[in-house]
Structure formats: C-alpha cells, structure tokens
Amino acid sequence: MKKIHTRAKKKLRLGTHTQHKARLFGWGRKKGAKTFKTEESANTYAKENSITNFELKKVKRNKKFQIVELNE
C-alpha cells in the first residue's frame, strides 16, 4: 500500500503520524451489486450459481445488466 503524503493528510484534517488506510481506501465498505456487460453472461452466471427465479435489470445508463432475484 502506498504511503499517504503529509500534505494530503493535512488537507483532509487527519493526524500526520498514522496511516488512516481504512478511512481513505474504503476497507469494510459494502460492495456494490454484480453487473454484467451482456445478457448472455448474466444468464450463464445465474445458471452456474443455480439462480432460477430472477429478472435482469438495466443499470449503468443501460450499458450493463444486474440480476435481481424475485421472491415469490
């Protein structure tokens, strides 16, 4: 992991003698939903992971697809 420069720490009002990696680099942050470039890749992922009841949702300005599981 690269060292954070003191000027950058002062700008963010952080202590200068600690690393603050968890706060600055998002450790422990919730990951976003998995997206796919094509419908075929989303369908193959669902088949491999035995997801049967799902629907594809267009995300990222209609350039990617996300699997949304339906609870019925």
N, C-alpha and C. Protein backbone atom coordinates (compact mmCIF):
# COMPACT_ATOMS: atom_id res chain seq x y z
N MET A 1 0.84 -1.17 0.00
CA MET A 1 0.00 0.00 0.00
C MET A 1 0.89 1.24 0.00
N LYS A 2 0.59 2.19 -0.83
CA LYS A 2 1.39 3.38 -0.95
C LYS A 2 1.16 4.31 0.24
N LYS A 3 2.22 4.98 0.68
CA LYS A 3 2.14 5.90 1.81
C LYS A 3 1.41 7.18 1.41
N ILE A 4 0.60 7.68 2.30
CA ILE A 4 -0.15 8.92 2.06
C ILE A 4 0.74 10.09 2.47
N HIS A 5 0.90 11.06 1.62
CA HIS A 5 1.78 12.19 1.91
C HIS A 5 1.18 13.10 2.99
N THR A 6 2.04 13.73 3.74
CA THR A 6 1.62 14.56 4.86
C THR A 6 0.73 15.71 4.41
N ARG A 7 1.03 16.30 3.26
CA ARG A 7 0.20 17.42 2.78
C ARG A 7 -1.22 16.96 2.51
N ALA A 8 -1.37 15.76 1.98
CA ALA A 8 -2.71 15.22 1.73
C ALA A 8 -3.45 14.97 3.03
N LYS A 9 -2.72 14.50 4.05
CA LYS A 9 -3.34 14.28 5.36
C LYS A 9 -3.78 15.59 5.98
N LYS A 10 -2.95 16.62 5.88
CA LYS A 10 -3.31 17.93 6.44
C LYS A 10 -4.54 18.50 5.74
N LYS A 11 -4.62 18.28 4.43
CA LYS A 11 -5.75 18.77 3.66
C LYS A 11 -7.05 18.12 4.13
N LEU A 12 -6.98 16.83 4.48
CA LEU A 12 -8.16 16.10 4.95
C LEU A 12 -8.35 16.17 6.46
N ARG A 13 -7.51 16.97 7.15
CA ARG A 13 -7.55 17.16 8.61
C ARG A 13 -7.40 15.84 9.36
N LEU A 14 -6.40 15.04 8.95
CA LEU A 14 -6.11 13.78 9.60
C LEU A 14 -4.80 13.91 10.38
N GLY A 15 -4.58 13.03 11.34
CA GLY A 15 -3.32 13.03 12.06
C GLY A 15 -2.18 12.65 11.13
N THR A 16 -1.01 13.25 11.33
CA THR A 16 0.09 13.04 10.39
C THR A 16 0.90 11.78 10.69
N HIS A 17 0.79 11.20 11.89
CA HIS A 17 1.63 10.06 12.24
C HIS A 17 0.91 8.73 12.18
N THR A 18 -0.27 8.68 11.59
CA THR A 18 -0.99 7.43 11.42
C THR A 18 -1.34 7.26 9.95
N GLN A 19 -1.68 6.04 9.55
CA GLN A 19 -1.88 5.75 8.13
C GLN A 19 -3.29 6.07 7.62
N HIS A 20 -4.33 5.85 8.42
CA HIS A 20 -5.73 6.13 8.05
C HIS A 20 -6.16 5.37 6.80
N LYS A 21 -5.63 4.17 6.60
CA LYS A 21 -5.95 3.42 5.38
C LYS A 21 -7.41 2.99 5.34
N ALA A 22 -7.96 2.61 6.48
CA ALA A 22 -9.35 2.15 6.49
C ALA A 22 -10.30 3.26 6.10
N ARG A 23 -10.04 4.47 6.55
CA ARG A 23 -10.93 5.59 6.25
C ARG A 23 -10.78 6.06 4.82
N LEU A 24 -9.57 6.07 4.30
CA LEU A 24 -9.33 6.65 2.98
C LEU A 24 -9.56 5.67 1.83
N PHE A 25 -9.35 4.39 2.07
CA PHE A 25 -9.44 3.44 0.98
C PHE A 25 -10.67 2.56 1.05
N GLY A 26 -11.58 2.80 1.99
CA GLY A 26 -12.86 2.12 2.00
C GLY A 26 -12.82 0.69 2.50
N TRP A 27 -11.94 0.34 3.39
CA TRP A 27 -11.93 -1.01 3.94
C TRP A 27 -13.19 -1.20 4.76
N GLY A 28 -13.86 -2.31 4.57
CA GLY A 28 -15.08 -2.57 5.30
C GLY A 28 -16.30 -1.96 4.65
N ARG A 29 -16.12 -1.33 3.51
CA ARG A 29 -17.24 -0.72 2.81
C ARG A 29 -18.04 -1.80 2.09
N LYS A 30 -19.34 -1.64 2.05
CA LYS A 30 -20.20 -2.61 1.38
C LYS A 30 -19.94 -2.56 -0.13
N LYS A 31 -19.81 -3.73 -0.72
CA LYS A 31 -19.58 -3.81 -2.16
C LYS A 31 -20.89 -3.66 -2.91
N GLY A 32 -20.81 -3.13 -4.11
CA GLY A 32 -21.98 -2.94 -4.92
C GLY A 32 -22.45 -4.23 -5.56
N ALA A 33 -23.56 -4.18 -6.23
CA ALA A 33 -24.13 -5.35 -6.87
C ALA A 33 -23.30 -5.76 -8.08
N LYS A 34 -23.28 -7.04 -8.37
CA LYS A 34 -22.53 -7.56 -9.50
C LYS A 34 -23.26 -7.20 -10.79
N THR A 35 -22.52 -6.68 -11.75
CA THR A 35 -23.11 -6.31 -13.04
C THR A 35 -22.40 -7.06 -14.16
N PHE A 36 -23.08 -7.17 -15.29
CA PHE A 36 -22.59 -7.93 -16.44
C PHE A 36 -22.70 -7.08 -17.69
N LYS A 37 -21.78 -7.29 -18.63
CA LYS A 37 -21.80 -6.50 -19.86
C LYS A 37 -22.87 -6.96 -20.84
N THR A 38 -23.17 -8.25 -20.84
CA THR A 38 -24.16 -8.77 -21.78
C THR A 38 -25.21 -9.60 -21.04
N GLU A 39 -26.34 -9.76 -21.69
CA GLU A 39 -27.41 -10.59 -21.11
C GLU A 39 -26.99 -12.05 -21.04
N GLU A 40 -26.24 -12.50 -22.04
CA GLU A 40 -25.80 -13.90 -22.07
C GLU A 40 -24.89 -14.22 -20.89
N SER A 41 -23.98 -13.31 -20.56
CA SER A 41 -23.08 -13.55 -19.44
C SER A 41 -23.84 -13.56 -18.11
N ALA A 42 -24.86 -12.72 -18.00
CA ALA A 42 -25.68 -12.71 -16.79
C ALA A 42 -26.46 -14.01 -16.66
N ASN A 43 -26.99 -14.49 -17.77
CA ASN A 43 -27.75 -15.75 -17.75
C ASN A 43 -26.85 -16.94 -17.42
N THR A 44 -25.64 -16.98 -17.96
CA THR A 44 -24.73 -18.08 -17.64
C THR A 44 -24.30 -18.03 -16.18
N TYR A 45 -24.09 -16.84 -15.63
CA TYR A 45 -23.75 -16.71 -14.21
C TYR A 45 -24.89 -17.22 -13.34
N ALA A 46 -26.12 -16.88 -13.71
CA ALA A 46 -27.28 -17.34 -12.94
C ALA A 46 -27.42 -18.86 -13.02
N LYS A 47 -27.15 -19.42 -14.18
CA LYS A 47 -27.24 -20.87 -14.32
C LYS A 47 -26.16 -21.57 -13.51
N GLU A 48 -24.92 -21.04 -13.52
CA GLU A 48 -23.82 -21.65 -12.76
C GLU A 48 -24.05 -21.58 -11.26
N ASN A 49 -24.70 -20.51 -10.79
CA ASN A 49 -24.93 -20.33 -9.36
C ASN A 49 -26.34 -20.75 -8.93
N SER A 50 -27.01 -21.49 -9.78
CA SER A 50 -28.35 -22.04 -9.54
C SER A 50 -29.36 -20.99 -9.06
N ILE A 51 -29.38 -19.87 -9.75
CA ILE A 51 -30.39 -18.84 -9.51
C ILE A 51 -31.48 -19.05 -10.56
N THR A 52 -32.66 -19.44 -10.12
CA THR A 52 -33.70 -19.79 -11.09
C THR A 52 -34.74 -18.68 -11.27
N ASN A 53 -35.17 -18.08 -10.19
CA ASN A 53 -36.22 -17.08 -10.26
C ASN A 53 -35.59 -15.68 -10.20
N PHE A 54 -35.31 -15.10 -11.38
CA PHE A 54 -34.65 -13.80 -11.43
C PHE A 54 -35.13 -12.99 -12.62
N GLU A 55 -34.74 -11.74 -12.60
CA GLU A 55 -35.07 -10.83 -13.69
C GLU A 55 -33.85 -9.95 -13.93
N LEU A 56 -33.58 -9.59 -15.17
CA LEU A 56 -32.43 -8.74 -15.48
C LEU A 56 -32.85 -7.28 -15.48
N LYS A 57 -32.06 -6.47 -14.81
CA LYS A 57 -32.34 -5.04 -14.69
C LYS A 57 -31.23 -4.28 -15.40
N LYS A 58 -31.60 -3.28 -16.20
CA LYS A 58 -30.59 -2.47 -16.89
C LYS A 58 -30.06 -1.40 -15.93
N VAL A 59 -28.75 -1.35 -15.81
CA VAL A 59 -28.10 -0.37 -14.93
C VAL A 59 -26.95 0.30 -15.67
N LYS A 60 -26.32 1.23 -15.04
CA LYS A 60 -25.17 1.96 -15.60
C LYS A 60 -25.50 2.59 -16.94
N ARG A 61 -26.57 3.37 -16.97
CA ARG A 61 -27.05 4.04 -18.18
C ARG A 61 -27.34 3.05 -19.31
N ASN A 62 -27.98 1.96 -18.95
CA ASN A 62 -28.41 0.91 -19.87
C ASN A 62 -27.25 0.23 -20.60
N LYS A 63 -26.05 0.26 -20.01
CA LYS A 63 -24.91 -0.40 -20.63
C LYS A 63 -24.59 -1.74 -19.97
N LYS A 64 -25.12 -1.99 -18.78
CA LYS A 64 -24.84 -3.23 -18.08
C LYS A 64 -26.13 -3.82 -17.53
N PHE A 65 -26.04 -5.07 -17.09
CA PHE A 65 -27.20 -5.78 -16.57
C PHE A 65 -26.91 -6.29 -15.17
N GLN A 66 -27.93 -6.30 -14.34
CA GLN A 66 -27.83 -6.78 -12.97
C GLN A 66 -28.91 -7.83 -12.74
N ILE A 67 -28.56 -8.87 -12.01
CA ILE A 67 -29.52 -9.92 -11.69
C ILE A 67 -30.29 -9.53 -10.43
N VAL A 68 -31.61 -9.52 -10.54
CA VAL A 68 -32.47 -9.22 -9.40
C VAL A 68 -33.29 -10.47 -9.11
N GLU A 69 -33.10 -11.04 -7.92
CA GLU A 69 -33.84 -12.25 -7.57
C GLU A 69 -35.26 -11.88 -7.17
N LEU A 70 -36.21 -12.66 -7.66
CA LEU A 70 -37.63 -12.44 -7.35
C LEU A 70 -38.05 -13.39 -6.24
N ASN A 71 -38.69 -12.86 -5.24
CA ASN A 71 -39.17 -13.69 -4.11
C ASN A 71 -40.67 -13.89 -4.28
N GLU A 72 -41.04 -15.11 -4.62
CA GLU A 72 -42.46 -15.42 -4.79
C GLU A 72 -42.83 -16.62 -3.98
